[in-house]
C-alpha atoms as a PDB file:
ATOM      1  CA  MET A   1      16.397   9.231   8.793  1.00  0.00           C
ATOM      2  CA  ILE A   2      16.494   7.286   5.789  1.00  0.00           C
ATOM      3  CA  ASN A   3      12.901   8.757   3.531  1.00  0.00           C
ATOM      4  CA  PHE A   4      12.468   5.032   2.368  1.00  0.00           C
ATOM      5  CA  LYS A   5       9.933   6.675  -0.589  1.00  0.00           C
ATOM      6  CA  TYR A   6      12.830   7.944  -2.319  1.00  0.00           C
ATOM      7  CA  LEU A   7      14.792   4.676  -2.914  1.00  0.00           C
ATOM      8  CA  SER A   8      15.302   3.493  -6.247  1.00  0.00           C
ATOM      9  CA  SER A   9      12.762   0.856  -7.574  1.00  0.00           C
ATOM     10  CA  GLY A  10      15.138  -2.036  -7.924  1.00  0.00           C
ATOM     11  CA  ASN A  11      16.540  -1.646  -4.014  1.00  0.00           C
ATOM     12  CA  GLU A  12      13.318  -0.667  -2.608  1.00  0.00           C
ATOM     13  CA  GLU A  13      11.738  -3.866  -1.680  1.00  0.00           C
ATOM     14  CA  ARG A  14      15.230  -5.667  -0.714  1.00  0.00           C
ATOM     15  CA  ILE A  15      15.787  -2.947   2.025  1.00  0.00           C
ATOM     16  CA  TYR A  16      12.278  -2.975   3.064  1.00  0.00           C
ATOM     17  CA  ASP A  17      12.418  -6.558   3.893  1.00  0.00           C
ATOM     18  CA  TYR A  18      15.848  -6.281   5.392  1.00  0.00           C
ATOM     19  CA  LEU A  19      14.364  -3.618   8.048  1.00  0.00           C
ATOM     20  CA  ASN A  20      11.501  -5.159   8.666  1.00  0.00           C
ATOM     21  CA  ASN A  21      13.323  -8.297   9.783  1.00  0.00           C
ATOM     22  CA  LEU A  22      15.764  -6.352  11.811  1.00  0.00           C
ATOM     23  CA  SER A  23      12.697  -4.662  13.308  1.00  0.00           C
ATOM     24  CA  ASN A  24      11.804  -8.231  15.246  1.00  0.00           C
ATOM     25  CA  CYS A  25      14.522  -7.814  16.712  1.00  0.00           C
ATOM     26  CA  GLN A  26      15.279  -4.291  17.593  1.00  0.00           C
ATOM     27  CA  GLY A  27      11.675  -3.032  17.793  1.00  0.00           C
ATOM     28  CA  CYS A  28       9.067  -1.768  15.190  1.00  0.00           C
ATOM     29  CA  PHE A  29      10.282   1.867  13.523  1.00  0.00           C
ATOM     30  CA  CYS A  30       9.931   1.352   9.796  1.00  0.00           C
ATOM     31  CA  THR A  31       7.645  -1.166   8.308  1.00  0.00           C
ATOM     32  CA  LYS A  32       4.830  -1.316   5.364  1.00  0.00           C
ATOM     33  CA  SER A  33       1.325  -0.230   5.398  1.00  0.00           C
ATOM     34  CA  TYR A  34      -1.326  -1.626   3.496  1.00  0.00           C
ATOM     35  CA  ILE A  35      -4.992  -0.725   2.256  1.00  0.00           C
ATOM     36  CA  ARG A  36      -7.995  -2.210   0.633  1.00  0.00           C
ATOM     37  CA  PHE A  37     -10.988  -0.502  -0.630  1.00  0.00           C
ATOM     38  CA  LEU A  38     -14.899  -1.319  -0.320  1.00  0.00           C
ATOM     39  CA  HIS A  39     -17.724  -0.106  -2.452  1.00  0.00           C
ATOM     40  CA  ALA A  40     -20.449   0.660  -0.564  1.00  0.00           C
ATOM     41  CA  VAL A  41     -22.442   3.812  -2.435  1.00  0.00           C
ATOM     42  CA  LEU A  42     -25.886   3.036  -3.010  1.00  0.00           C
ATOM     43  CA  GLY A  43     -26.889   3.129  -6.604  1.00  0.00           C
ATOM     44  CA  ALA A  44     -22.884   3.237  -7.983  1.00  0.00           C
ATOM     45  CA  PRO A  45     -21.742   1.165 -11.046  1.00  0.00           C
ATOM     46  CA  ALA A  46     -18.903  -0.373 -10.994  1.00  0.00           C
ATOM     47  CA  VAL A  47     -15.852   1.716 -10.349  1.00  0.00           C
ATOM     48  CA  ASP A  48     -12.381   1.691 -11.037  1.00  0.00           C
ATOM     49  CA  ILE A  49     -10.005   3.168  -8.527  1.00  0.00           C
ATOM     50  CA  TYR A  50      -6.927   4.598  -8.631  1.00  0.00           C
ATOM     51  CA  ILE A  51      -3.792   5.938  -6.498  1.00  0.00           C
ATOM     52  CA  ASN A  52      -1.520   8.896  -7.648  1.00  0.00           C
ATOM     53  CA  SER A  53      -2.483   7.674 -10.882  1.00  0.00           C
ATOM     54  CA  ASN A  54      -2.106   3.937 -10.325  1.00  0.00           C
ATOM     55  CA  MET A  55      -5.476   1.580 -10.759  1.00  0.00           C
ATOM     56  CA  VAL A  56      -5.411  -0.532  -7.431  1.00  0.00           C
ATOM     57  CA  ALA A  57      -9.241  -1.618  -8.175  1.00  0.00           C
ATOM     58  CA  ASN A  58     -10.642  -2.419 -11.324  1.00  0.00           C
ATOM     59  CA  ASN A  59     -14.262  -2.989 -12.345  1.00  0.00           C
ATOM     60  CA  LEU A  60     -15.274  -3.060  -8.015  1.00  0.00           C
ATOM     61  CA  LYS A  61     -19.150  -3.441  -7.797  1.00  0.00           C
ATOM     62  CA  LEU A  62     -21.112  -2.643  -5.030  1.00  0.00           C
ATOM     63  CA  GLY A  63     -20.260  -4.641  -1.988  1.00  0.00           C
ATOM     64  CA  GLU A  64     -17.106  -6.001  -3.128  1.00  0.00           C
ATOM     65  CA  ILE A  65     -13.772  -5.938  -1.038  1.00  0.00           C
ATOM     66  CA  THR A  66     -10.551  -6.240  -2.585  1.00  0.00           C
ATOM     67  CA  GLY A  67      -7.229  -7.209  -1.355  1.00  0.00           C
ATOM     68  CA  TYR A  68      -4.725  -5.479   0.346  1.00  0.00           C
ATOM     69  CA  ILE A  69      -2.499  -3.159  -1.011  1.00  0.00           C
ATOM     70  CA  LEU A  70       1.153  -2.746   0.382  1.00  0.00           C
ATOM     71  CA  TYR A  71       2.070   1.104   0.530  1.00  0.00           C
ATOM     72  CA  TYR A  72       4.676   3.002   1.907  1.00  0.00           C
ATOM     73  CA  PRO A  73       3.632   5.658   4.805  1.00  0.00           C
ATOM     74  CA  GLY A  74       2.826   9.427   3.332  1.00  0.00           C
ATOM     75  CA  GLU A  75       0.335  11.334   1.197  1.00  0.00           C
ATOM     76  CA  TYR A  76      -1.671  10.341  -1.917  1.00  0.00           C
ATOM     77  CA  ASN A  77      -4.231  11.356  -4.178  1.00  0.00           C
ATOM     78  CA  VAL A  78      -7.433   8.489  -4.222  1.00  0.00           C
ATOM     79  CA  SER A  79      -9.463   8.941  -7.727  1.00  0.00           C
ATOM     80  CA  VAL A  80     -12.369   7.287  -8.408  1.00  0.00           C
ATOM     81  CA  TYR A  81     -14.034   6.801 -11.708  1.00  0.00           C
ATOM     82  CA  VAL A  82     -17.141   5.061 -13.532  1.00  0.00           C
ATOM     83  CA  ALA A  83     -15.657   2.000 -14.889  1.00  0.00           C
ATOM     84  CA  GLY A  84     -13.812   2.156 -18.167  1.00  0.00           C
ATOM     85  CA  ASP A  85     -13.520   6.184 -17.368  1.00  0.00           C
ATOM     86  CA  THR A  86     -10.256   7.968 -16.843  1.00  0.00           C
ATOM     87  CA  ILE A  87     -11.979  11.461 -17.866  1.00  0.00           C
ATOM     88  CA  LYS A  88     -13.916  12.862 -15.247  1.00  0.00           C
ATOM     89  CA  PRO A  89     -13.386  11.176 -11.392  1.00  0.00           C
ATOM     90  CA  LEU A  90     -16.605  10.797  -9.354  1.00  0.00           C
ATOM     91  CA  LEU A  91     -14.372  11.620  -6.356  1.00  0.00           C
ATOM     92  CA  ASN A  92     -10.996  12.969  -6.028  1.00  0.00           C
ATOM     93  CA  LYS A  93      -9.592  12.605  -1.891  1.00  0.00           C
ATOM     94  CA  ALA A  94      -6.262  13.286  -0.278  1.00  0.00           C
ATOM     95  CA  ILE A  95      -5.044  10.713   2.165  1.00  0.00           C
ATOM     96  CA  THR A  96      -2.798   9.880   4.591  1.00  0.00           C
ATOM     97  CA  ILE A  97      -1.002   6.374   5.355  1.00  0.00           C
ATOM     98  CA  ASN A  98       0.639   5.781   8.419  1.00  0.00           C
ATOM     99  CA  MET A  99       3.462   3.609   9.424  1.00  0.00           C
ATOM    100  CA  ASN A 100       2.511   0.002  10.139  1.00  0.00           C
ATOM    101  CA  THR A 101      -0.926   0.263   9.827  1.00  0.00           C
ATOM    102  CA  SER A 102      -3.764  -1.386   7.480  1.00  0.00           C
ATOM    103  CA  TYR A 103      -6.846   0.331   6.436  1.00  0.00           C
ATOM    104  CA  THR A 104     -10.336  -0.370   4.711  1.00  0.00           C
ATOM    105  CA  ALA A 105     -10.834   2.662   2.824  1.00  0.00           C
ATOM    106  CA  ALA A 106     -14.841   2.635   1.694  1.00  0.00           C
ATOM    107  CA  ILE A 107     -16.468   4.613  -0.860  1.00  0.00           C
ATOM    108  CA  ALA A 108     -19.911   5.202   1.098  1.00  0.00           C
ATOM    109  CA  GLY A 109     -22.561   6.975   0.569  1.00  0.00           C
ATOM    110  CA  ASN A 110     -25.396   7.096  -2.291  1.00  0.00           C
ATOM    111  CA  MET A 111     -24.865   8.608  -6.282  1.00  0.00           C
ATOM    112  CA  ASN A 112     -26.190  12.233  -4.865  1.00  0.00           C
ATOM    113  CA  SER A 113     -23.598  12.592  -2.036  1.00  0.00           C
ATOM    114  CA  PHE A 114     -20.905  10.274  -1.166  1.00  0.00           C
ATOM    115  CA  ASP A 115     -16.882   9.924   0.149  1.00  0.00           C
ATOM    116  CA  LEU A 116     -13.706   8.145   1.140  1.00  0.00           C
ATOM    117  CA  TYR A 117     -13.923   6.897   4.747  1.00  0.00           C
ATOM    118  CA  LEU A 118     -10.174   5.509   6.051  1.00  0.00           C
ATOM    119  CA  ASN A 119     -10.651   3.334   8.957  1.00  0.00           C
ATOM    120  CA  LYS A 120      -7.645   2.044  10.705  1.00  0.00           C
ATOM    121  CA  GLU A 121      -7.809  -1.455  11.734  1.00  0.00           C
ATOM    122  CA  SER A 122      -6.932  -1.462  15.528  1.00  0.00           C
ATOM    123  CA  LYS A 123      -5.217  -4.744  18.024  1.00  0.00           C
ATOM    124  CA  GLU A 124      -5.856  -5.037  21.115  1.00  0.00           C
ATOM    125  CA  GLU A 125      -2.992  -4.369  23.537  1.00  0.00           C
ATOM    126  CA  VAL A 126      -3.329  -8.052  24.625  1.00  0.00           C
ATOM    127  CA  SER A 127      -3.752 -10.556  22.541  1.00  0.00           C
ATOM    128  CA  PRO A 128      -7.317 -11.730  22.214  1.00  0.00           C
ATOM    129  CA  TYR A 129      -5.390 -15.701  22.797  1.00  0.00           C
ATOM    130  CA  ARG A 130      -8.697 -17.222  23.344  1.00  0.00           C
ATOM    131  CA  GLU A 131     -11.559 -15.033  21.973  1.00  0.00           C
ATOM    132  CA  ALA A 132     -12.576 -13.959  18.380  1.00  0.00           C
ATOM    133  CA  ALA A 133     -11.861  -9.866  17.520  1.00  0.00           C
ATOM    134  CA  VAL A 134     -14.611  -7.945  15.702  1.00  0.00           C
ATOM    135  CA  THR A 135     -15.155  -4.970  14.751  1.00  0.00           C
ATOM    136  CA  TYR A 136     -17.896  -3.741  12.812  1.00  0.00           C
ATOM    137  CA  THR A 137     -18.563  -0.196  10.669  1.00  0.00           C
ATOM    138  CA  ASN A 138     -21.943   0.883   9.626  1.00  0.00           C
ATOM    139  CA  TYR A 139     -21.993   2.145   5.494  1.00  0.00           C
ATOM    140  CA  VAL A 140     -26.049   2.353   4.933  1.00  0.00           C
ATOM    141  CA  PRO A 141     -26.700   5.732   4.697  1.00  0.00           C
ATOM    142  CA  ILE A 142     -29.684   6.547   5.868  1.00  0.00           C
ATOM    143  CA  ASP A 143     -30.413   8.158   8.850  1.00  0.00           C
ATOM    144  CA  GLU A 144     -31.779   5.675  11.749  1.00  0.00           C
ATOM    145  CA  THR A 145     -28.646   4.014  13.382  1.00  0.00           C
ATOM    146  CA  LEU A 146     -28.198   0.065  13.139  1.00  0.00           C
ATOM    147  CA  ASP A 147     -27.852  -2.334  15.934  1.00  0.00           C
ATOM    148  CA  LEU A 148     -25.747  -5.575  15.800  1.00  0.00           C
ATOM    149  CA  TYR A 149     -26.148  -8.853  17.199  1.00  0.00           C
ATOM    150  CA  ILE A 150     -25.037 -12.719  17.685  1.00  0.00           C
ATOM    151  CA  SER A 151     -27.383 -15.591  16.641  1.00  0.00           C
ATOM    152  CA  ASP A 152     -28.858 -15.848  20.319  1.00  0.00           C
ATOM    153  CA  GLY A 153     -29.980 -12.502  20.608  1.00  0.00           C
ATOM    154  CA  THR A 154     -27.193 -10.521  22.428  1.00  0.00           C
ATOM    155  CA  ALA A 155     -26.506  -7.138  21.222  1.00  0.00           C
ATOM    156  CA  LEU A 156     -22.733  -6.445  20.647  1.00  0.00           C
ATOM    157  CA  TYR A 157     -23.483  -2.811  19.676  1.00  0.00           C
ATOM    158  CA  LYS A 158     -26.399  -0.272  19.598  1.00  0.00           C
ATOM    159  CA  ASP A 159     -27.031   2.810  17.835  1.00  0.00           C
ATOM    160  CA  VAL A 160     -24.609   2.898  15.674  1.00  0.00           C
ATOM    161  CA  ASP A 161     -24.488   5.853  13.113  1.00  0.00           C
ATOM    162  CA  PHE A 162     -23.416   5.898   9.215  1.00  0.00           C
ATOM    163  CA  THR A 163     -19.603   5.224   8.700  1.00  0.00           C
ATOM    164  CA  ASN A 164     -19.102   4.920  12.111  1.00  0.00           C
ATOM    165  CA  SER A 165     -16.512   2.091  13.521  1.00  0.00           C
ATOM    166  CA  THR A 166     -16.886   0.312  16.621  1.00  0.00           C
ATOM    167  CA  PRO A 167     -14.017  -0.710  18.649  1.00  0.00           C
ATOM    168  CA  ASN A 168     -13.154  -4.889  18.959  1.00  0.00           C
ATOM    169  CA  ILE A 169     -15.599  -7.029  20.942  1.00  0.00           C
ATOM    170  CA  LEU A 170     -14.130 -10.336  22.174  1.00  0.00           C
ATOM    171  CA  ILE A 171     -16.275 -13.186  21.666  1.00  0.00           C
ATOM    172  CA  PHE A 172     -15.865 -17.080  22.463  1.00  0.00           C
ATOM    173  CA  PRO A 173     -14.659 -18.690  19.458  1.00  0.00           C
ATOM    174  CA  THR A 174     -17.936 -20.852  18.099  1.00  0.00           C
ATOM    175  CA  ASP A 175     -20.164 -21.602  15.537  1.00  0.00           C
ATOM    176  CA  GLU A 176     -21.754 -17.920  15.101  1.00  0.00           C
ATOM    177  CA  ARG A 177     -24.060 -15.851  13.291  1.00  0.00           C
ATOM    178  CA  PHE A 178     -24.292 -12.046  13.352  1.00  0.00           C
ATOM    179  CA  ASP A 179     -27.643 -10.136  12.715  1.00  0.00           C
ATOM    180  CA  VAL A 180     -28.284  -6.168  12.096  1.00  0.00           C
ATOM    181  CA  LYS A 181     -31.832  -4.727  13.411  1.00  0.00           C
ATOM    182  CA  TYR A 182     -32.838  -1.309  12.844  1.00  0.00           C
ATOM    183  CA  SER A 183     -32.705   0.435  16.683  1.00  0.00           C
ATOM    184  CA  GLY A 184     -35.197   0.000  18.946  1.00  0.00           C
ATOM    185  CA  THR A 185     -36.984  -2.889  16.575  1.00  0.00           C
ATOM    186  CA  ASP A 186     -36.894  -6.342  17.087  1.00  0.00           C
ATOM    187  CA  LYS A 187     -36.619  -7.309  13.233  1.00  0.00           C
ATOM    188  CA  ILE A 188     -33.701  -8.749  11.938  1.00  0.00           C
ATOM    189  CA  VAL A 189     -33.058  -7.050   8.563  1.00  0.00           C
ATOM    190  CA  ALA A 190     -29.688  -8.499   7.510  1.00  0.00           C
ATOM    191  CA  SER A 191     -27.581 -11.587   8.511  1.00  0.00           C
ATOM    192  CA  THR A 192     -24.404 -13.204   7.756  1.00  0.00           C
ATOM    193  CA  PRO A 193     -23.601 -16.832   7.208  1.00  0.00           C
ATOM    194  CA  THR A 194     -22.849 -18.721  10.188  1.00  0.00           C
ATOM    195  CA  ILE A 195     -19.183 -19.105  10.358  1.00  0.00           C
ATOM    196  CA  GLN A 196     -16.634 -20.988  12.043  1.00  0.00           C
ATOM    197  CA  LEU A 197     -15.047 -18.169  14.831  1.00  0.00           C
ATOM    198  CA  GLN A 198     -11.416 -18.838  15.467  1.00  0.00           C
ATOM    199  CA  ARG A 199      -9.411 -17.435  18.523  1.00  0.00           C
ATOM    200  CA  ASN A 200      -7.069 -14.940  18.086  1.00  0.00           C
ATOM    201  CA  THR A 201      -8.200 -14.226  15.034  1.00  0.00           C
ATOM    202  CA  TYR A 202      -9.591 -10.739  13.703  1.00  0.00           C
ATOM    203  CA  TYR A 203     -12.847  -9.867  11.602  1.00  0.00           C
ATOM    204  CA  SER A 204     -14.566  -7.126  10.426  1.00  0.00           C
ATOM    205  CA  LEU A 205     -18.786  -6.535   9.433  1.00  0.00           C
ATOM    206  CA  PHE A 206     -19.257  -3.988   7.403  1.00  0.00           C
ATOM    207  CA  SER A 207     -23.144  -2.926   6.648  1.00  0.00           C
ATOM    208  CA  ILE A 208     -24.106  -1.708   3.227  1.00  0.00           C
ATOM    209  CA  LEU A 209     -27.481  -0.894   1.380  1.00  0.00           C
ATOM    210  CA  ASP A 210     -28.187  -2.929  -1.714  1.00  0.00           C
ATOM    211  CA  GLY A 211     -30.963  -1.221  -3.747  1.00  0.00           C
ATOM    212  CA  ASP A 212     -33.737  -1.845  -0.848  1.00  0.00           C
ATOM    213  CA  MET A 213     -31.977  -4.686   0.953  1.00  0.00           C
ATOM    214  CA  LEU A 214     -29.405  -4.444   3.431  1.00  0.00           C
ATOM    215  CA  ARG A 215     -26.412  -6.773   3.427  1.00  0.00           C
ATOM    216  CA  LEU A 216     -23.929  -7.397   6.304  1.00  0.00           C
ATOM    217  CA  ILE A 217     -20.696  -8.534   5.189  1.00  0.00           C
ATOM    218  CA  ILE A 218     -17.903 -10.365   7.262  1.00  0.00           C
ATOM    219  CA  THR A 219     -14.198 -10.582   6.222  1.00  0.00           C
ATOM    220  CA  LEU A 220     -10.987 -11.493   7.899  1.00  0.00           C
ATOM    221  CA  SER A 221      -9.254  -8.341   9.093  1.00  0.00           C
ATOM    222  CA  GLY A 222      -5.463  -8.175   7.432  1.00  0.00           C
ATOM    223  CA  LEU A 223      -4.329  -7.780  11.204  1.00  0.00           C
ATOM    224  CA  ASN A 224      -4.305 -11.658  10.787  1.00  0.00           C
ATOM    225  CA  PHE A 225      -1.752 -12.055   8.264  1.00  0.00           C
ATOM    226  CA  LEU A 226      -0.414  -8.739   6.928  1.00  0.00           C
ATOM    227  CA  ASP A 227       3.680  -8.166   8.132  1.00  0.00           C
ATOM    228  CA  LEU A 228       2.752  -5.691  10.703  1.00  0.00           C
ATOM    229  CA  CYS A 229       4.568  -5.224  14.068  1.00  0.00           C
END
C-alpha cells in the first residue's frame, strides 16, 4: 500500500485528487480528512494553534471556529499558545487523524484546567433526505448538565455533560430556534438566532461559557460540503 504522507509535495495533491475521483467508482479507499478548531476555554485569551509547528489558527478568540483544514491521515501534535507567543505552549496534545473523516477539535475548560477534545462528525447510514440532522456538544465547564430544546418546547437532548457530544437527531426543516436550559429547570439560558433549517443538511451546535454568560453556537457541519466518501 502506498503511504501518501511521503509523496513529494509537487505531486501529492494531483495524485490525491486522482485517487479521490477514482474512489467514486471503486469505493472509498484513500481520501482526504479535515479538521477545524473551536476556542471554548473560559477566561482564556486569544490563541494561536499549531499542528506539527505549522500555524493553523491565528488570534483565535473565545467562541470562534476556524474553517476546515485538509490533513492526511496520521499522527500529529497540536500546540496551543497565547496569541503572538511561541515560547511556552499552554497545551501540547498528540492526535490521530483517520482517513475520510472530518473533525471539530475544541480547546475547552477553564484557564486552570483545559484540554483538546477531538470530535468526529458522523453521517447517518441513510441520508436524511427530508430532514435536517443536528448534533450538540456541551463545552460549558461546570458540574451541571444541560438540556437542548427547540422553540416549541420539545426537548432534543437532556443531561448533556461537559465535553459530551450527542448523536444526530433528525428535525423537519423549518424556521427554528434552539434553546439551552440547565437540566431540571425551565429557564432558557442561551438561544441561537432563528434560522431556516435545510433538508439533507448537517448542523453542529456548541454551548460555551463566556464570563457569566452561556452562549449557544450553531454552524454547518463539514459533512455538507467536504469531499468525503
